[in-house]
């Protein structure tokens, strides 16, 4: 996410359509074929 310049405090991560909790980000093991989705919260009205 650092390479994408995404702010960590406003980002959610999902692996294979399952949300990964922030404390688990560093220990989550990825496998070939895993689908990763990054979501960034934005303000709007």
N, C-alpha and C. Protein backbone atom coordinates (compact mmCIF):
# COMPACT_ATOMS: atom_id res chain seq x y z
N UNK A 1 0.82 -1.18 0.00
CA UNK A 1 0.00 0.00 0.00
C UNK A 1 0.86 1.25 0.00
N UNK A 2 2.05 1.13 0.57
CA UNK A 2 2.95 2.28 0.53
C UNK A 2 3.29 2.64 -0.91
N UNK A 3 3.51 1.63 -1.75
CA UNK A 3 3.83 1.89 -3.15
C UNK A 3 2.68 2.55 -3.89
N UNK A 4 1.45 2.32 -3.43
CA UNK A 4 0.27 2.93 -4.05
C UNK A 4 -0.07 4.27 -3.42
N UNK A 5 0.68 4.67 -2.40
CA UNK A 5 0.45 5.92 -1.67
C UNK A 5 -0.96 5.97 -1.06
N UNK A 6 -1.41 4.83 -0.54
CA UNK A 6 -2.72 4.76 0.11
C UNK A 6 -2.54 4.99 1.60
N UNK A 7 -3.32 5.89 2.19
CA UNK A 7 -3.22 6.12 3.63
C UNK A 7 -3.73 4.90 4.39
N UNK A 8 -2.93 4.38 5.31
CA UNK A 8 -3.30 3.17 6.02
C UNK A 8 -4.55 3.34 6.87
N UNK A 9 -4.74 4.52 7.46
CA UNK A 9 -5.86 4.71 8.37
C UNK A 9 -7.21 4.75 7.67
N UNK A 10 -7.24 4.88 6.38
CA UNK A 10 -8.52 4.94 5.65
C UNK A 10 -8.64 3.82 4.63
N UNK A 11 -7.96 2.69 4.91
CA UNK A 11 -7.92 1.61 3.94
C UNK A 11 -8.40 0.30 4.56
N UNK A 12 -9.14 -0.47 3.79
CA UNK A 12 -9.55 -1.82 4.19
C UNK A 12 -8.98 -2.80 3.16
N UNK A 13 -8.69 -4.01 3.63
CA UNK A 13 -8.10 -5.03 2.77
C UNK A 13 -8.97 -6.28 2.81
N UNK A 14 -9.17 -6.87 1.63
CA UNK A 14 -9.87 -8.15 1.55
C UNK A 14 -9.02 -9.12 0.74
N UNK A 15 -8.99 -10.36 1.17
CA UNK A 15 -8.32 -11.42 0.44
C UNK A 15 -9.37 -12.49 0.15
N UNK A 16 -9.56 -12.76 -1.12
CA UNK A 16 -10.58 -13.73 -1.54
C UNK A 16 -11.95 -13.40 -0.95
N UNK A 17 -12.29 -12.14 -1.01
CA UNK A 17 -13.59 -11.62 -0.58
C UNK A 17 -13.81 -11.70 0.93
N UNK A 18 -12.74 -11.87 1.71
CA UNK A 18 -12.82 -11.87 3.17
C UNK A 18 -12.00 -10.69 3.70
N UNK A 19 -12.65 -9.85 4.51
CA UNK A 19 -11.94 -8.70 5.08
C UNK A 19 -10.84 -9.21 6.01
N UNK A 20 -9.66 -8.61 5.90
CA UNK A 20 -8.53 -8.93 6.77
C UNK A 20 -8.43 -7.81 7.80
N UNK A 21 -8.47 -8.16 9.08
CA UNK A 21 -8.38 -7.14 10.13
C UNK A 21 -7.00 -6.49 10.10
N UNK A 22 -6.97 -5.24 10.45
CA UNK A 22 -5.72 -4.48 10.42
C UNK A 22 -4.60 -5.17 11.21
N UNK A 23 -4.87 -5.70 12.42
CA UNK A 23 -3.77 -6.37 13.14
C UNK A 23 -3.22 -7.60 12.41
N UNK A 24 -3.99 -8.15 11.48
CA UNK A 24 -3.55 -9.35 10.75
C UNK A 24 -2.84 -9.05 9.44
N UNK A 25 -2.78 -7.79 9.05
CA UNK A 25 -2.18 -7.44 7.76
C UNK A 25 -0.77 -8.00 7.60
N UNK A 26 0.06 -7.82 8.61
CA UNK A 26 1.47 -8.21 8.47
C UNK A 26 1.69 -9.71 8.54
N UNK A 27 0.73 -10.45 9.10
CA UNK A 27 0.93 -11.89 9.27
C UNK A 27 0.09 -12.73 8.31
N UNK A 28 -0.73 -12.09 7.50
CA UNK A 28 -1.56 -12.83 6.55
C UNK A 28 -0.69 -13.39 5.43
N UNK A 29 -0.79 -14.69 5.23
CA UNK A 29 -0.01 -15.37 4.19
C UNK A 29 -0.84 -15.41 2.92
N UNK A 30 -0.23 -14.98 1.82
CA UNK A 30 -0.90 -15.00 0.52
C UNK A 30 -0.42 -16.21 -0.28
N UNK A 31 -1.32 -16.76 -1.06
CA UNK A 31 -0.99 -17.91 -1.92
C UNK A 31 -1.21 -17.53 -3.37
N UNK A 32 -0.58 -18.29 -4.27
CA UNK A 32 -0.81 -18.07 -5.70
C UNK A 32 -2.30 -18.13 -5.98
N UNK A 33 -2.78 -17.19 -6.75
CA UNK A 33 -4.18 -17.17 -7.13
C UNK A 33 -5.08 -16.41 -6.19
N UNK A 34 -4.56 -15.96 -5.03
CA UNK A 34 -5.39 -15.16 -4.12
C UNK A 34 -5.79 -13.87 -4.80
N UNK A 35 -7.00 -13.43 -4.50
CA UNK A 35 -7.49 -12.16 -5.03
C UNK A 35 -7.46 -11.14 -3.91
N UNK A 36 -6.78 -10.04 -4.15
CA UNK A 36 -6.61 -8.99 -3.14
C UNK A 36 -7.37 -7.76 -3.59
N UNK A 37 -8.15 -7.20 -2.67
CA UNK A 37 -8.89 -5.97 -2.95
C UNK A 37 -8.53 -4.95 -1.88
N UNK A 38 -8.25 -3.73 -2.32
CA UNK A 38 -7.97 -2.62 -1.41
C UNK A 38 -9.08 -1.60 -1.56
N UNK A 39 -9.61 -1.15 -0.44
CA UNK A 39 -10.68 -0.17 -0.44
C UNK A 39 -10.22 1.05 0.32
N UNK A 40 -10.43 2.21 -0.25
CA UNK A 40 -10.04 3.46 0.40
C UNK A 40 -11.29 4.28 0.67
N UNK A 41 -11.47 4.67 1.93
CA UNK A 41 -12.60 5.51 2.30
C UNK A 41 -12.37 6.93 1.79
N UNK A 42 -13.42 7.52 1.25
CA UNK A 42 -13.34 8.91 0.80
C UNK A 42 -14.53 9.67 1.35
N UNK A 43 -14.32 10.93 1.62
CA UNK A 43 -15.39 11.78 2.13
C UNK A 43 -16.22 12.30 0.96
N UNK A 44 -17.47 12.47 1.21
CA UNK A 44 -18.32 13.00 0.15
C UNK A 44 -19.69 13.35 0.71
N UNK A 45 -20.50 13.82 -0.15
CA UNK A 45 -21.81 14.20 0.36
C UNK A 45 -22.89 14.01 -0.65
